[in-house]
Amino acid sequence: MTPEISVIIPCFNEEENVAPLLGELAVALRGTGRSYEIIYVDDASTDATAERVREATQLHPELRLIRHRFNCGESAAILTGCDRAQGKILITMDADLQNDPADIPMMLKELDQFDCVAGVRRKRRDSFMKIASSRIANAFRDFMLNDDIHDAGCTFRVFRREAMECIVPFRGMHRFAPTMWRWQGFKVKEVPINHRPRHRGVSKYGTMNRLWVGIDDIFGMRWFHRRFIPPERMVDEPNPAEKVAP
C-alpha cells in the first residue's frame, strides 16, 4: 500500500538519537490513523547512524534508509528523501530530537487549509549566540526578500508533494523553501512548535559556517525574485466571449 505520509529525516552522525526519535514518531504517526513511511537519509555519517537505522527496521517495518556516498549537506539530503518518498504529504524534520513529533497532528490539521505548514521555534532551546545570530539573520533576510518568514532555519515542515515541483535545488535550499513556495503562489502557514534542547550528539551548524554562505544565498534569492516569472503570467486564459472556429 502506498503510504499517505512520508517523513524525511536528513541525518549526519546522529547514532544516539535514532531509536528515541523513531519511538516518538511511531506514537505520533499511529495516532493520526493514516498510513506512513519514515525515510532516514544518511548524509555519509562517520559513526554508526546507518547501523542504528538498519537495526530499527526490526521494530519499525515502515522505516527506510537511503545513504549518500559522500557528504552533500542538509538540502541535498532533503531533496533525496523527497524524491524517493511515496506519500502525498511530506514531512521534514531534524534528526537531533529538538523537533517534537507530538506537533505533527496539529500541523497536519493546519494542512487542510494550506499547502505548507512551517514550524516556528518560539522558545528555542539553543545557546544565546545561536539564538541571537538566527534572529539577526532572519531580520536581514526579511529586509532583503520581504518574504515574511520568521524562522527560516527551522526545517520542521508539513507540505503537499506538489510543492516540491517548484523548488530550485541548491546548497542551502532548505532555508528558502517557504519563500519559494510563497513566490509560486502556494499558501504557507507558520505555526509555533515545541523546541527541545539537544541532549545527544553535536550540532552541525555554527555562527561562522553559516554567516557568509547565508548572505550569499540571500543575494542569490534576491536576484532570482527579480528575474522570476509568476506562472499565472504565462497562461493566456480564453475569453468566454470569443468563439472557437470549428
Protein backbone atom coordinates (compact mmCIF):
# COMPACT_ATOMS: atom_id res chain seq x y z
CA MET A 1 0.00 0.00 0.00
CA THR A 2 1.26 3.44 -0.89
CA PRO A 3 1.63 5.47 2.32
CA GLU A 4 -0.25 8.74 2.66
CA ILE A 5 2.52 10.41 4.68
CA SER A 6 6.29 10.34 4.18
CA VAL A 7 8.54 11.62 6.96
CA ILE A 8 12.01 12.60 5.68
CA ILE A 9 14.81 12.85 8.22
CA PRO A 10 18.20 14.06 6.95
CA CYS A 11 20.95 13.00 9.32
CA PHE A 12 24.68 13.14 9.86
CA ASN A 13 26.30 11.44 12.86
CA GLU A 14 23.15 11.06 14.97
CA GLU A 15 23.54 7.43 16.12
CA GLU A 16 22.36 8.12 19.68
CA ASN A 17 19.14 9.81 18.55
CA VAL A 18 17.83 7.23 16.07
CA ALA A 19 15.99 4.88 18.44
CA PRO A 20 14.40 7.56 20.69
CA LEU A 21 13.20 9.63 17.74
CA LEU A 22 11.66 6.63 16.00
CA GLY A 23 9.84 5.68 19.19
CA GLU A 24 8.27 9.14 19.46
CA LEU A 25 7.47 9.27 15.75
CA ALA A 26 5.67 5.93 15.85
CA VAL A 27 3.40 7.14 18.66
CA ALA A 28 2.61 10.45 16.91
CA LEU A 29 2.04 8.96 13.45
CA ARG A 30 -0.04 5.98 14.55
CA GLY A 31 -2.27 8.39 16.41
CA THR A 32 -3.19 10.12 13.14
CA GLY A 33 -4.79 6.96 11.75
CA ARG A 34 -3.02 7.49 8.42
CA SER A 35 -0.55 5.21 6.65
CA TYR A 36 3.05 6.43 6.67
CA GLU A 37 6.68 5.73 5.94
CA ILE A 38 9.81 7.10 7.58
CA ILE A 39 12.86 7.79 5.42
CA TYR A 40 16.25 8.37 7.00
CA VAL A 41 18.71 9.96 4.58
CA ASP A 42 22.17 9.33 5.97
CA ASP A 43 24.47 12.02 4.59
CA ALA A 44 27.62 9.87 4.72
CA SER A 45 27.81 9.64 8.51
CA THR A 46 31.13 8.56 10.00
CA ASP A 47 29.54 6.97 13.08
CA ALA A 48 27.05 4.10 13.44
CA THR A 49 23.95 6.04 12.35
CA ALA A 50 23.25 3.75 9.38
CA GLU A 51 23.66 0.64 11.54
CA ARG A 52 21.23 2.00 14.15
CA VAL A 53 18.64 2.70 11.42
CA ARG A 54 19.03 -0.80 9.97
CA GLU A 55 18.57 -2.31 13.43
CA ALA A 56 15.44 -0.22 13.97
CA THR A 57 13.72 -1.71 10.92
CA GLN A 58 13.00 -4.78 13.05
CA LEU A 59 10.66 -2.69 15.21
CA HIS A 60 9.60 -0.25 12.51
CA PRO A 61 8.89 -2.00 9.19
CA GLU A 62 7.75 1.30 7.69
CA LEU A 63 11.34 2.60 8.02
CA ARG A 64 13.64 3.05 5.01
CA LEU A 65 17.32 4.00 4.84
CA ILE A 66 18.96 5.92 2.00
CA ARG A 67 22.68 6.68 2.12
CA HIS A 68 24.73 9.31 0.31
CA ARG A 69 28.12 8.16 -0.97
CA PHE A 70 29.69 11.37 0.33
CA ASN A 71 28.56 14.29 2.46
CA CYS A 72 26.32 16.57 0.38
CA GLY A 73 24.65 18.75 3.01
CA GLU A 74 21.20 19.00 4.53
CA SER A 75 19.47 20.43 1.46
CA ALA A 76 20.69 17.56 -0.72
CA ALA A 77 19.55 15.03 1.88
CA ILE A 78 16.08 16.59 1.98
CA LEU A 79 15.88 16.58 -1.83
CA THR A 80 16.95 12.93 -1.94
CA GLY A 81 14.31 11.96 0.60
CA CYS A 82 11.53 13.91 -1.14
CA ASP A 83 12.48 12.38 -4.48
CA ARG A 84 12.24 8.83 -3.08
CA ALA A 85 9.17 9.46 -0.92
CA GLN A 86 5.86 7.86 -1.89
CA GLY A 87 3.40 9.88 0.19
CA LYS A 88 1.23 12.76 -0.99
CA ILE A 89 2.04 14.57 2.25
CA LEU A 90 5.70 15.14 3.10
CA ILE A 91 7.15 15.98 6.49
CA THR A 92 10.73 17.10 7.03
CA MET A 93 12.33 17.31 10.46
CA ASP A 94 15.70 17.22 12.17
CA ALA A 95 17.27 14.03 13.47
CA ASP A 96 18.58 15.54 16.72
CA LEU A 97 15.33 15.24 18.78
CA GLN A 98 14.98 19.01 19.09
CA ASN A 99 11.82 18.87 16.94
CA ASP A 100 8.90 17.31 18.81
CA PRO A 101 6.95 14.64 16.85
CA ALA A 102 3.94 15.37 19.08
CA ASP A 103 3.44 18.56 16.98
CA ILE A 104 2.74 16.53 13.82
CA PRO A 105 -1.05 16.02 14.33
CA MET A 106 -1.53 19.77 14.83
CA MET A 107 0.49 20.57 11.71
CA LEU A 108 -1.43 18.00 9.65
CA LYS A 109 -4.69 19.60 10.71
CA GLU A 110 -3.47 23.02 9.53
CA LEU A 111 -2.58 21.47 6.17
CA ASP A 112 -6.30 21.09 5.45
CA GLN A 113 -6.37 24.82 4.65
CA PHE A 114 -2.81 25.38 3.43
CA ASP A 115 -0.20 23.90 1.10
CA CYS A 116 2.66 24.12 3.56
CA VAL A 117 2.82 24.38 7.34
CA ALA A 118 6.19 25.63 8.61
CA GLY A 119 7.28 25.43 12.22
CA VAL A 120 8.45 28.47 14.19
CA ARG A 121 10.55 27.78 17.29
CA ARG A 122 9.05 30.31 19.70
CA LYS A 123 11.04 29.16 22.76
CA ARG A 124 14.33 27.96 21.36
CA ARG A 125 16.49 25.68 23.49
CA ASP A 126 19.82 26.72 22.00
CA SER A 127 22.78 28.81 23.11
CA PHE A 128 22.43 32.59 23.36
CA MET A 129 24.86 33.07 20.45
CA LYS A 130 22.93 30.69 18.21
CA ILE A 131 19.58 32.32 19.01
CA ALA A 132 20.92 35.86 18.55
CA SER A 133 22.61 35.09 15.22
CA SER A 134 19.45 33.38 13.97
CA ARG A 135 17.29 36.40 14.82
CA ILE A 136 19.69 38.76 13.10
CA ALA A 137 19.80 36.52 10.03
CA ASN A 138 16.00 36.25 9.84
CA ALA A 139 15.61 40.03 10.15
CA PHE A 140 18.19 40.62 7.41
CA ARG A 141 16.61 38.14 5.00
CA ASP A 142 13.15 39.59 5.60
CA PHE A 143 14.52 43.06 4.85
CA MET A 144 16.17 41.80 1.65
CA LEU A 145 13.47 39.43 0.43
CA ASN A 146 10.31 40.74 2.11
CA ASP A 147 9.11 37.13 2.45
CA ASP A 148 7.66 37.42 5.97
CA ILE A 149 9.19 34.08 7.02
CA HIS A 150 10.02 34.20 10.73
CA ASP A 151 12.15 31.07 11.25
CA ALA A 152 13.84 30.05 8.01
CA GLY A 153 16.29 27.80 9.84
CA CYS A 154 13.55 25.52 11.14
CA THR A 155 13.10 22.58 8.75
CA PHE A 156 10.19 21.02 10.66
CA ARG A 157 7.56 21.36 7.93
CA VAL A 158 4.49 19.58 6.62
CA PHE A 159 3.64 20.19 2.98
CA ARG A 160 1.96 18.79 -0.09
CA ARG A 161 4.10 16.81 -2.50
CA GLU A 162 3.40 19.11 -5.46
CA ALA A 163 5.08 21.98 -3.63
CA MET A 164 8.46 20.34 -4.25
CA GLU A 165 8.00 20.58 -8.02
CA CYS A 166 8.82 24.32 -7.97
CA ILE A 167 11.91 24.08 -5.76
CA VAL A 168 15.22 25.18 -7.30
CA PRO A 169 17.86 22.79 -5.93
CA PHE A 170 20.99 24.32 -4.42
CA ARG A 171 23.01 24.06 -1.21
CA GLY A 172 21.10 25.89 1.50
CA MET A 173 17.79 25.44 -0.34
CA HIS A 174 16.08 24.17 2.82
CA ARG A 175 16.24 27.66 4.36
CA PHE A 176 14.40 29.23 1.42
CA ALA A 177 11.76 26.62 0.56
CA PRO A 178 8.84 28.51 2.22
CA THR A 179 9.95 31.69 0.44
CA MET A 180 9.93 29.97 -2.97
CA TRP A 181 6.56 28.41 -2.21
CA ARG A 182 5.04 31.79 -1.46
CA TRP A 183 6.51 33.29 -4.63
CA GLN A 184 4.98 30.39 -6.58
CA GLY A 185 1.53 31.04 -5.14
CA PHE A 186 1.36 28.23 -2.57
CA LYS A 187 -0.35 29.03 0.71
CA VAL A 188 2.15 28.88 3.59
CA LYS A 189 1.13 28.90 7.25
CA GLU A 190 3.63 29.36 10.09
CA VAL A 191 2.77 27.74 13.42
CA PRO A 192 4.56 27.81 16.79
CA ILE A 193 6.14 24.48 17.68
CA ASN A 194 7.85 22.95 20.66
CA HIS A 195 11.65 23.11 20.61
CA ARG A 196 13.75 20.93 22.87
CA PRO A 197 17.38 21.09 24.00
CA ARG A 198 19.89 18.77 22.39
CA HIS A 199 20.93 16.05 24.81
CA ARG A 200 22.91 13.78 22.49
CA GLY A 201 25.29 14.43 19.64
CA VAL A 202 26.81 17.67 18.41
CA SER A 203 25.25 20.48 16.36
CA LYS A 204 26.49 20.60 12.77
CA TYR A 205 25.92 24.35 12.42
CA GLY A 206 27.76 27.27 13.97
CA THR A 207 27.68 31.03 13.51
CA MET A 208 30.69 31.29 11.21
CA ASN A 209 29.94 28.28 8.98
CA ARG A 210 26.55 29.79 8.09
CA LEU A 211 27.15 33.55 8.08
CA TRP A 212 28.84 34.25 4.75
CA VAL A 213 27.15 31.41 2.89
CA GLY A 214 23.78 32.63 4.16
CA ILE A 215 24.43 36.19 3.00
CA ASP A 216 25.49 34.94 -0.43
CA ASP A 217 22.32 32.83 -0.67
CA ILE A 218 20.11 35.80 0.22
CA PHE A 219 21.59 37.89 -2.59
CA GLY A 220 21.11 34.93 -4.93
CA MET A 221 17.45 34.65 -3.93
CA ARG A 222 17.01 38.40 -4.38
CA TRP A 223 18.33 38.06 -7.94
CA PHE A 224 16.04 35.07 -8.53
CA HIS A 225 13.00 37.01 -7.33
CA ARG A 226 13.75 39.92 -9.67
CA ARG A 227 14.01 37.53 -12.63
CA PHE A 228 11.17 35.25 -11.57
CA ILE A 229 8.16 34.88 -13.89
CA PRO A 230 4.97 34.02 -11.95
CA PRO A 231 3.20 31.01 -13.52
CA GLU A 232 -0.09 32.90 -13.93
CA ARG A 233 1.57 35.35 -16.32
CA MET A 234 2.47 32.58 -18.75
CA VAL A 235 -1.10 31.38 -19.33
CA ASP A 236 -3.42 33.12 -21.77
CA GLU A 237 -6.87 32.47 -20.35
CA PRO A 238 -9.55 32.15 -23.08
CA ASN A 239 -12.11 34.90 -23.33
CA PRO A 240 -15.61 33.42 -22.86
CA ALA A 241 -16.91 35.88 -25.45
CA GLU A 242 -14.57 34.57 -28.11
CA LYS A 243 -15.83 31.89 -30.46
CA VAL A 244 -13.61 28.98 -31.39
CA ALA A 245 -13.63 28.16 -35.09
CA PRO A 246 -14.70 24.59 -35.89
